[in-house]
Amino acid sequence: MRLDKYLKVSRIIKRRTVANEACAGGRVTLNGKVAKPGAEVREGDVMEIRFGNRVGRYRIVSIRETVRKEGAQDMYEVLQEDAQTRAERGEG
C-alpha cells in the first residue's frame, strides 16, 4: 500500500492530500529514510512524522484497504508521541 494512503486509512493523518503533502515535503521517514507519498509500506516498518517541532514514531502492525474508525488505531503501534499529537489523532 502507498504511504500516503496508509496514513489516511490508519487515521494518523485525517486527509490523504495532507498526508501526500507531508510526504512530499520531506516530513515523513520510513525506516530512517525520507519517504515519498508512493513509497510501499509493509508490516513491521517504522515511520516517523514531524508535526512542526513535534515528532511521532509509529510501527506498522497491519495493512488493510479499508477499516472502520474504531479499528484504525489497531493498524499501528505508537513508539513515541507527545500529548498534543495524541489529542489531535483523537486518542487523548
PDB file of N, CA and C in Angstrom:
ATOM      1  N   MET A   1       0.838  -1.179   0.000  1.00  0.00           N
ATOM      2  CA  MET A   1       0.000   0.000   0.000  1.00  0.00           C
ATOM      3  C   MET A   1       0.884   1.243   0.000  1.00  0.00           C
ATOM      4  N   ARG A   2       0.424   2.280  -0.652  1.00  0.00           N
ATOM      5  CA  ARG A   2       1.163   3.549  -0.688  1.00  0.00           C
ATOM      6  C   ARG A   2       1.176   4.195   0.702  1.00  0.00           C
ATOM      7  N   LEU A   3       2.264   4.867   1.004  1.00  0.00           N
ATOM      8  CA  LEU A   3       2.416   5.515   2.311  1.00  0.00           C
ATOM      9  C   LEU A   3       1.326   6.548   2.563  1.00  0.00           C
ATOM     10  N   ASP A   4       1.034   7.402   1.593  1.00  0.00           N
ATOM     11  CA  ASP A   4       0.017   8.433   1.818  1.00  0.00           C
ATOM     12  C   ASP A   4      -1.360   7.818   2.087  1.00  0.00           C
ATOM     13  N   LYS A   5      -1.684   6.734   1.400  1.00  0.00           N
ATOM     14  CA  LYS A   5      -2.967   6.071   1.628  1.00  0.00           C
ATOM     15  C   LYS A   5      -2.983   5.410   3.007  1.00  0.00           C
ATOM     16  N   TYR A   6      -1.876   4.794   3.409  1.00  0.00           N
ATOM     17  CA  TYR A   6      -1.804   4.163   4.734  1.00  0.00           C
ATOM     18  C   TYR A   6      -2.030   5.196   5.839  1.00  0.00           C
ATOM     19  N   LEU A   7      -1.392   6.362   5.709  1.00  0.00           N
ATOM     20  CA  LEU A   7      -1.545   7.410   6.716  1.00  0.00           C
ATOM     21  C   LEU A   7      -2.999   7.838   6.842  1.00  0.00           C
ATOM     22  N   LYS A   8      -3.717   7.891   5.733  1.00  0.00           N
ATOM     23  CA  LYS A   8      -5.125   8.267   5.738  1.00  0.00           C
ATOM     24  C   LYS A   8      -6.005   7.144   6.291  1.00  0.00           C
ATOM     25  N   VAL A   9      -5.823   5.912   5.805  1.00  0.00           N
ATOM     26  CA  VAL A   9      -6.657   4.788   6.243  1.00  0.00           C
ATOM     27  C   VAL A   9      -6.469   4.540   7.737  1.00  0.00           C
ATOM     28  N   SER A  10      -5.236   4.657   8.231  1.00  0.00           N
ATOM     29  CA  SER A  10      -4.957   4.429   9.650  1.00  0.00           C
ATOM     30  C   SER A  10      -5.367   5.627  10.518  1.00  0.00           C
ATOM     31  N   ARG A  11      -5.708   6.721   9.861  1.00  0.00           N
ATOM     32  CA  ARG A  11      -6.151   7.954  10.513  1.00  0.00           C
ATOM     33  C   ARG A  11      -5.064   8.616  11.364  1.00  0.00           C
ATOM     34  N   ILE A  12      -3.812   8.338  11.057  1.00  0.00           N
ATOM     35  CA  ILE A  12      -2.726   9.094  11.688  1.00  0.00           C
ATOM     36  C   ILE A  12      -2.801  10.525  11.159  1.00  0.00           C
ATOM     37  N   ILE A  13      -3.062  10.652   9.853  1.00  0.00           N
ATOM     38  CA  ILE A  13      -3.337  11.941   9.229  1.00  0.00           C
ATOM     39  C   ILE A  13      -4.731  11.823   8.626  1.00  0.00           C
ATOM     40  N   LYS A  14      -5.583  12.800   8.883  1.00  0.00           N
ATOM     41  CA  LYS A  14      -7.008  12.676   8.553  1.00  0.00           C
ATOM     42  C   LYS A  14      -7.327  12.677   7.061  1.00  0.00           C
ATOM     43  N   ARG A  15      -6.583  13.435   6.243  1.00  0.00           N
ATOM     44  CA  ARG A  15      -6.897  13.512   4.812  1.00  0.00           C
ATOM     45  C   ARG A  15      -5.702  13.093   3.969  1.00  0.00           C
ATOM     46  N   ARG A  16      -5.976  12.416   2.862  1.00  0.00           N
ATOM     47  CA  ARG A  16      -4.910  11.905   2.011  1.00  0.00           C
ATOM     48  C   ARG A  16      -4.102  13.037   1.377  1.00  0.00           C
ATOM     49  N   THR A  17      -4.742  14.140   1.028  1.00  0.00           N
ATOM     50  CA  THR A  17      -3.993  15.251   0.441  1.00  0.00           C
ATOM     51  C   THR A  17      -2.990  15.818   1.435  1.00  0.00           C
ATOM     52  N   VAL A  18      -3.372  15.880   2.705  1.00  0.00           N
ATOM     53  CA  VAL A  18      -2.455  16.361   3.748  1.00  0.00           C
ATOM     54  C   VAL A  18      -1.311  15.362   3.926  1.00  0.00           C
ATOM     55  N   ALA A  19      -1.626  14.066   3.900  1.00  0.00           N
ATOM     56  CA  ALA A  19      -0.601  13.028   4.003  1.00  0.00           C
ATOM     57  C   ALA A  19       0.360  13.120   2.825  1.00  0.00           C
ATOM     58  N   ASN A  20      -0.191  13.351   1.641  1.00  0.00           N
ATOM     59  CA  ASN A  20       0.630  13.467   0.433  1.00  0.00           C
ATOM     60  C   ASN A  20       1.575  14.665   0.549  1.00  0.00           C
ATOM     61  N   GLU A  21       1.064  15.795   1.014  1.00  0.00           N
ATOM     62  CA  GLU A  21       1.881  16.999   1.175  1.00  0.00           C
ATOM     63  C   GLU A  21       2.967  16.796   2.226  1.00  0.00           C
ATOM     64  N   ALA A  22       2.644  16.103   3.327  1.00  0.00           N
ATOM     65  CA  ALA A  22       3.634  15.839   4.380  1.00  0.00           C
ATOM     66  C   ALA A  22       4.775  14.981   3.825  1.00  0.00           C
ATOM     67  N   CYS A  23       4.428  13.969   3.047  1.00  0.00           N
ATOM     68  CA  CYS A  23       5.450  13.098   2.452  1.00  0.00           C
ATOM     69  C   CYS A  23       6.286  13.866   1.439  1.00  0.00           C
ATOM     70  N   ALA A  24       5.616  14.595   0.553  1.00  0.00           N
ATOM     71  CA  ALA A  24       6.321  15.349  -0.489  1.00  0.00           C
ATOM     72  C   ALA A  24       7.218  16.426   0.110  1.00  0.00           C
ATOM     73  N   GLY A  25       6.837  16.943   1.278  1.00  0.00           N
ATOM     74  CA  GLY A  25       7.621  17.974   1.944  1.00  0.00           C
ATOM     75  C   GLY A  25       8.779  17.432   2.760  1.00  0.00           C
ATOM     76  N   GLY A  26       8.988  16.112   2.749  1.00  0.00           N
ATOM     77  CA  GLY A  26      10.112  15.522   3.458  1.00  0.00           C
ATOM     78  C   GLY A  26       9.901  15.397   4.954  1.00  0.00           C
ATOM     79  N   ARG A  27       8.662  15.460   5.419  1.00  0.00           N
ATOM     80  CA  ARG A  27       8.391  15.391   6.860  1.00  0.00           C
ATOM     81  C   ARG A  27       8.108  13.976   7.345  1.00  0.00           C
ATOM     82  N   VAL A  28       8.128  12.994   6.436  1.00  0.00           N
ATOM     83  CA  VAL A  28       7.851  11.604   6.812  1.00  0.00           C
ATOM     84  C   VAL A  28       9.046  10.738   6.425  1.00  0.00           C
ATOM     85  N   THR A  29       9.513   9.934   7.388  1.00  0.00           N
ATOM     86  CA  THR A  29      10.572   8.976   7.081  1.00  0.00           C
ATOM     87  C   THR A  29      10.024   7.575   7.287  1.00  0.00           C
ATOM     88  N   LEU A  30      10.537   6.646   6.505  1.00  0.00           N
ATOM     89  CA  LEU A  30      10.146   5.247   6.596  1.00  0.00           C
ATOM     90  C   LEU A  30      11.423   4.448   6.777  1.00  0.00           C
ATOM     91  N   ASN A  31      11.558   3.791   7.919  1.00  0.00           N
ATOM     92  CA  ASN A  31      12.762   3.031   8.258  1.00  0.00           C
ATOM     93  C   ASN A  31      14.018   3.894   8.156  1.00  0.00           C
ATOM     94  N   GLY A  32      13.917   5.147   8.627  1.00  0.00           N
ATOM     95  CA  GLY A  32      15.076   6.030   8.692  1.00  0.00           C
ATOM     96  C   GLY A  32      15.395   6.783   7.418  1.00  0.00           C
ATOM     97  N   LYS A  33      14.624   6.602   6.349  1.00  0.00           N
ATOM     98  CA  LYS A  33      14.882   7.295   5.082  1.00  0.00           C
ATOM     99  C   LYS A  33      13.675   8.147   4.727  1.00  0.00           C
ATOM    100  N   VAL A  34      13.933   9.346   4.180  1.00  0.00           N
ATOM    101  CA  VAL A  34      12.839  10.214   3.750  1.00  0.00           C
ATOM    102  C   VAL A  34      12.018   9.466   2.715  1.00  0.00           C
ATOM    103  N   ALA A  35      10.685   9.466   2.896  1.00  0.00           N
ATOM    104  CA  ALA A  35       9.803   8.681   2.038  1.00  0.00           C
ATOM    105  C   ALA A  35       8.898   9.563   1.200  1.00  0.00           C
ATOM    106  N   LYS A  36       8.712   9.177  -0.044  1.00  0.00           N
ATOM    107  CA  LYS A  36       7.791   9.864  -0.946  1.00  0.00           C
ATOM    108  C   LYS A  36       6.382   9.307  -0.721  1.00  0.00           C
ATOM    109  N   PRO A  37       5.351  10.015  -1.192  1.00  0.00           N
ATOM    110  CA  PRO A  37       3.970   9.556  -0.978  1.00  0.00           C
ATOM    111  C   PRO A  37       3.694   8.160  -1.531  1.00  0.00           C
ATOM    112  N   GLY A  38       4.363   7.770  -2.599  1.00  0.00           N
ATOM    113  CA  GLY A  38       4.105   6.473  -3.221  1.00  0.00           C
ATOM    114  C   GLY A  38       4.947   5.338  -2.682  1.00  0.00           C
ATOM    115  N   ALA A  39       5.736   5.580  -1.635  1.00  0.00           N
ATOM    116  CA  ALA A  39       6.568   4.521  -1.066  1.00  0.00           C
ATOM    117  C   ALA A  39       5.689   3.392  -0.544  1.00  0.00           C
ATOM    118  N   GLU A  40       6.092   2.158  -0.788  1.00  0.00           N
ATOM    119  CA  GLU A  40       5.336   0.992  -0.323  1.00  0.00           C
ATOM    120  C   GLU A  40       5.606   0.749   1.158  1.00  0.00           C
ATOM    121  N   VAL A  41       4.546   0.563   1.932  1.00  0.00           N
ATOM    122  CA  VAL A  41       4.700   0.241   3.351  1.00  0.00           C
ATOM    123  C   VAL A  41       4.442  -1.244   3.564  1.00  0.00           C
ATOM    124  N   ARG A  42       5.134  -1.802   4.547  1.00  0.00           N
ATOM    125  CA  ARG A  42       4.987  -3.222   4.894  1.00  0.00           C
ATOM    126  C   ARG A  42       4.847  -3.340   6.406  1.00  0.00           C
ATOM    127  N   GLU A  43       4.260  -4.429   6.848  1.00  0.00           N
ATOM    128  CA  GLU A  43       4.142  -4.661   8.286  1.00  0.00           C
ATOM    129  C   GLU A  43       5.540  -4.693   8.891  1.00  0.00           C
ATOM    130  N   GLY A  44       5.707  -4.062  10.038  1.00  0.00           N
ATOM    131  CA  GLY A  44       6.992  -4.014  10.718  1.00  0.00           C
ATOM    132  C   GLY A  44       7.795  -2.758  10.414  1.00  0.00           C
ATOM    133  N   ASP A  45       7.430  -2.024   9.358  1.00  0.00           N
ATOM    134  CA  ASP A  45       8.132  -0.779   9.042  1.00  0.00           C
ATOM    135  C   ASP A  45       7.918   0.233  10.164  1.00  0.00           C
ATOM    136  N   VAL A  46       8.905   1.107  10.363  1.00  0.00           N
ATOM    137  CA  VAL A  46       8.800   2.180  11.357  1.00  0.00           C
ATOM    138  C   VAL A  46       8.784   3.502  10.607  1.00  0.00           C
ATOM    139  N   MET A  47       7.766   4.313  10.879  1.00  0.00           N
ATOM    140  CA  MET A  47       7.704   5.623  10.242  1.00  0.00           C
ATOM    141  C   MET A  47       7.759   6.710  11.299  1.00  0.00           C
ATOM    142  N   GLU A  48       8.328   7.825  10.890  1.00  0.00           N
ATOM    143  CA  GLU A  48       8.470   8.971  11.770  1.00  0.00           C
ATOM    144  C   GLU A  48       7.879  10.168  11.040  1.00  0.00           C
ATOM    145  N   ILE A  49       7.000  10.906  11.710  1.00  0.00           N
ATOM    146  CA  ILE A  49       6.336  12.050  11.105  1.00  0.00           C
ATOM    147  C   ILE A  49       6.621  13.270  11.960  1.00  0.00           C
ATOM    148  N   ARG A  50       7.079  14.336  11.309  1.00  0.00           N
ATOM    149  CA  ARG A  50       7.330  15.586  12.023  1.00  0.00           C
ATOM    150  C   ARG A  50       6.123  16.505  11.858  1.00  0.00           C
ATOM    151  N   PHE A  51       5.507  16.879  12.980  1.00  0.00           N
ATOM    152  CA  PHE A  51       4.390  17.817  13.015  1.00  0.00           C
ATOM    153  C   PHE A  51       4.937  19.119  13.586  1.00  0.00           C
ATOM    154  N   GLY A  52       5.452  20.004  12.770  1.00  0.00           N
ATOM    155  CA  GLY A  52       6.091  21.226  13.267  1.00  0.00           C
ATOM    156  C   GLY A  52       7.348  20.851  14.033  1.00  0.00           C
ATOM    157  N   ASN A  53       7.402  21.199  15.332  1.00  0.00           N
ATOM    158  CA  ASN A  53       8.573  20.850  16.135  1.00  0.00           C
ATOM    159  C   ASN A  53       8.365  19.560  16.928  1.00  0.00           C
ATOM    160  N   ARG A  54       7.226  18.873  16.694  1.00  0.00           N
ATOM    161  CA  ARG A  54       6.939  17.611  17.382  1.00  0.00           C
ATOM    162  C   ARG A  54       7.217  16.440  16.447  1.00  0.00           C
ATOM    163  N   VAL A  55       7.473  15.290  17.036  1.00  0.00           N
ATOM    164  CA  VAL A  55       7.758  14.088  16.257  1.00  0.00           C
ATOM    165  C   VAL A  55       6.901  12.934  16.768  1.00  0.00           C
ATOM    166  N   GLY A  56       6.336  12.184  15.838  1.00  0.00           N
ATOM    167  CA  GLY A  56       5.600  10.974  16.184  1.00  0.00           C
ATOM    168  C   GLY A  56       6.258   9.788  15.488  1.00  0.00           C
ATOM    169  N   ARG A  57       6.497   8.704  16.228  1.00  0.00           N
ATOM    170  CA  ARG A  57       7.085   7.490  15.651  1.00  0.00           C
ATOM    171  C   ARG A  57       6.086   6.352  15.813  1.00  0.00           C
ATOM    172  N   TYR A  58       5.895   5.588  14.721  1.00  0.00           N
ATOM    173  CA  TYR A  58       4.887   4.532  14.696  1.00  0.00           C
ATOM    174  C   TYR A  58       5.434   3.289  14.005  1.00  0.00           C
ATOM    175  N   ARG A  59       5.056   2.124  14.498  1.00  0.00           N
ATOM    176  CA  ARG A  59       5.389   0.854  13.840  1.00  0.00           C
ATOM    177  C   ARG A  59       4.124   0.345  13.172  1.00  0.00           C
ATOM    178  N   ILE A  60       4.237  -0.043  11.916  1.00  0.00           N
ATOM    179  CA  ILE A  60       3.091  -0.555  11.168  1.00  0.00           C
ATOM    180  C   ILE A  60       2.834  -1.991  11.597  1.00  0.00           C
ATOM    181  N   VAL A  61       1.629  -2.246  12.107  1.00  0.00           N
ATOM    182  CA  VAL A  61       1.257  -3.561  12.614  1.00  0.00           C
ATOM    183  C   VAL A  61       0.476  -4.348  11.565  1.00  0.00           C
ATOM    184  N   SER A  62      -0.438  -3.669  10.873  1.00  0.00           N
ATOM    185  CA  SER A  62      -1.220  -4.341   9.832  1.00  0.00           C
ATOM    186  C   SER A  62      -1.552  -3.358   8.720  1.00  0.00           C
ATOM    187  N   ILE A  63      -1.828  -3.915   7.558  1.00  0.00           N
ATOM    188  CA  ILE A  63      -2.174  -3.108   6.390  1.00  0.00           C
ATOM    189  C   ILE A  63      -3.514  -3.602   5.876  1.00  0.00           C
ATOM    190  N   ARG A  64      -4.490  -2.699   5.846  1.00  0.00           N
ATOM    191  CA  ARG A  64      -5.832  -3.024   5.348  1.00  0.00           C
ATOM    192  C   ARG A  64      -6.296  -1.900   4.438  1.00  0.00           C
ATOM    193  N   GLU A  65      -7.015  -2.249   3.377  1.00  0.00           N
ATOM    194  CA  GLU A  65      -7.507  -1.249   2.429  1.00  0.00           C
ATOM    195  C   GLU A  65      -8.573  -0.344   3.043  1.00  0.00           C
ATOM    196  N   THR A  66      -9.447  -0.928   3.832  1.00  0.00           N
ATOM    197  CA  THR A  66     -10.489  -0.149   4.490  1.00  0.00           C
ATOM    198  C   THR A  66     -10.583  -0.608   5.945  1.00  0.00           C
ATOM    199  N   VAL A  67     -10.953   0.317   6.799  1.00  0.00           N
ATOM    200  CA  VAL A  67     -11.100  -0.007   8.215  1.00  0.00           C
ATOM    201  C   VAL A  67     -12.055   1.012   8.840  1.00  0.00           C
ATOM    202  N   ARG A  68     -12.845   0.565   9.786  1.00  0.00           N
ATOM    203  CA  ARG A  68     -13.741   1.478  10.498  1.00  0.00           C
ATOM    204  C   ARG A  68     -12.913   2.347  11.444  1.00  0.00           C
ATOM    205  N   LYS A  69     -13.452   3.471  11.806  1.00  0.00           N
ATOM    206  CA  LYS A  69     -12.744   4.411  12.666  1.00  0.00           C
ATOM    207  C   LYS A  69     -12.261   3.751  13.952  1.00  0.00           C
ATOM    208  N   GLU A  70     -13.095   2.899  14.539  1.00  0.00           N
ATOM    209  CA  GLU A  70     -12.747   2.247  15.795  1.00  0.00           C
ATOM    210  C   GLU A  70     -11.552   1.302  15.654  1.00  0.00           C
ATOM    211  N   GLY A  71     -11.356   0.716  14.488  1.00  0.00           N
ATOM    212  CA  GLY A  71     -10.278  -0.240  14.279  1.00  0.00           C
ATOM    213  C   GLY A  71      -9.007   0.350  13.721  1.00  0.00           C
ATOM    214  N   ALA A  72      -9.025   1.643  13.377  1.00  0.00           N
ATOM    215  CA  ALA A  72      -7.867   2.269  12.741  1.00  0.00           C
ATOM    216  C   ALA A  72      -6.632   2.249  13.640  1.00  0.00           C
ATOM    217  N   GLN A  73      -6.811   2.451  14.940  1.00  0.00           N
ATOM    218  CA  GLN A  73      -5.663   2.506  15.843  1.00  0.00           C
ATOM    219  C   GLN A  73      -4.981   1.146  16.001  1.00  0.00           C
ATOM    220  N   ASP A  74      -5.646   0.070  15.590  1.00  0.00           N
ATOM    221  CA  ASP A  74      -5.029  -1.256  15.658  1.00  0.00           C
ATOM    222  C   ASP A  74      -4.060  -1.506  14.504  1.00  0.00           C
ATOM    223  N   MET A  75      -4.009  -0.580  13.542  1.00  0.00           N
ATOM    224  CA  MET A  75      -3.134  -0.752  12.381  1.00  0.00           C
ATOM    225  C   MET A  75      -1.691  -0.364  12.681  1.00  0.00           C
ATOM    226  N   TYR A  76      -1.448   0.326  13.799  1.00  0.00           N
ATOM    227  CA  TYR A  76      -0.101   0.777  14.130  1.00  0.00           C
ATOM    228  C   TYR A  76       0.113   0.771  15.633  1.00  0.00           C
ATOM    229  N   GLU A  77       1.389   0.801  15.996  1.00  0.00           N
ATOM    230  CA  GLU A  77       1.787   0.874  17.402  1.00  0.00           C
ATOM    231  C   GLU A  77       2.534   2.188  17.596  1.00  0.00           C
ATOM    232  N   VAL A  78       2.145   2.958  18.588  1.00  0.00           N
ATOM    233  CA  VAL A  78       2.804   4.226  18.868  1.00  0.00           C
ATOM    234  C   VAL A  78       4.109   3.945  19.598  1.00  0.00           C
ATOM    235  N   LEU A  79       5.220   4.407  19.032  1.00  0.00           N
ATOM    236  CA  LEU A  79       6.522   4.244  19.665  1.00  0.00           C
ATOM    237  C   LEU A  79       6.908   5.499  20.435  1.00  0.00           C
ATOM    238  N   GLN A  80       6.545   6.670  19.884  1.00  0.00           N
ATOM    239  CA  GLN A  80       6.869   7.938  20.543  1.00  0.00           C
ATOM    240  C   GLN A  80       5.860   8.974  20.071  1.00  0.00           C
ATOM    241  N   GLU A  81       5.302   9.731  21.031  1.00  0.00           N
ATOM    242  CA  GLU A  81       4.316  10.734  20.666  1.00  0.00           C
ATOM    243  C   GLU A  81       4.044  11.607  21.883  1.00  0.00           C
ATOM    244  N   ASP A  82       3.836  12.900  21.670  1.00  0.00           N
ATOM    245  CA  ASP A  82       3.510  13.774  22.798  1.00  0.00           C
ATOM    246  C   ASP A  82       1.995  13.871  22.970  1.00  0.00           C
ATOM    247  N   ALA A  83       1.564  14.457  24.071  1.00  0.00           N
ATOM    248  CA  ALA A  83       0.137  14.511  24.408  1.00  0.00           C
ATOM    249  C   ALA A  83      -0.670  15.309  23.387  1.00  0.00           C
ATOM    250  N   GLN A  84      -0.104  16.384  22.849  1.00  0.00           N
ATOM    251  CA  GLN A  84      -0.830  17.207  21.880  1.00  0.00           C
ATOM    252  C   GLN A  84      -1.089  16.424  20.590  1.00  0.00           C
ATOM    253  N   THR A  85      -0.097  15.698  20.110  1.00  0.00           N
ATOM    254  CA  THR A  85      -0.259  14.895  18.901  1.00  0.00           C
ATOM    255  C   THR A  85      -1.288  13.797  19.144  1.00  0.00           C
ATOM    256  N   ARG A  86      -1.255  13.162  20.295  1.00  0.00           N
ATOM    257  CA  ARG A  86      -2.215  12.110  20.643  1.00  0.00           C
ATOM    258  C   ARG A  86      -3.633  12.678  20.633  1.00  0.00           C
ATOM    259  N   ALA A  87      -3.818  13.875  21.184  1.00  0.00           N
ATOM    260  CA  ALA A  87      -5.130  14.506  21.203  1.00  0.00           C
ATOM    261  C   ALA A  87      -5.607  14.855  19.803  1.00  0.00           C
ATOM    262  N   GLU A  88      -4.709  15.310  18.952  1.00  0.00           N
ATOM    263  CA  GLU A  88      -5.078  15.641  17.579  1.00  0.00           C
ATOM    264  C   GLU A  88      -5.501  14.395  16.791  1.00  0.00           C
ATOM    265  N   ARG A  89      -4.933  13.249  17.118  1.00  0.00           N
ATOM    266  CA  ARG A  89      -5.334  12.000  16.474  1.00  0.00           C
ATOM    267  C   ARG A  89      -6.668  11.521  17.009  1.00  0.00           C
ATOM    268  N   GLY A  90      -7.132  12.131  18.100  1.00  0.00           N
ATOM    269  CA  GLY A  90      -8.423  11.770  18.663  1.00  0.00           C
ATOM    270  C   GLY A  90      -8.345  10.696  19.724  1.00  0.00           C
ATOM    271  N   GLU A  91      -7.153  10.490  20.267  1.00  0.00           N
ATOM    272  CA  GLU A  91      -6.972   9.439  21.261  1.00  0.00           C
ATOM    273  C   GLU A  91      -6.700  10.010  22.645  1.00  0.00           C
ATOM    274  N   GLY A  92      -6.717  11.339  22.774  1.00  0.00           N
ATOM    275  CA  GLY A  92      -6.329  11.947  24.037  1.00  0.00           C
ATOM    276  C   GLY A  92      -7.445  12.165  24.942  1.00  0.00           C
TER     277      GLY A  92
END
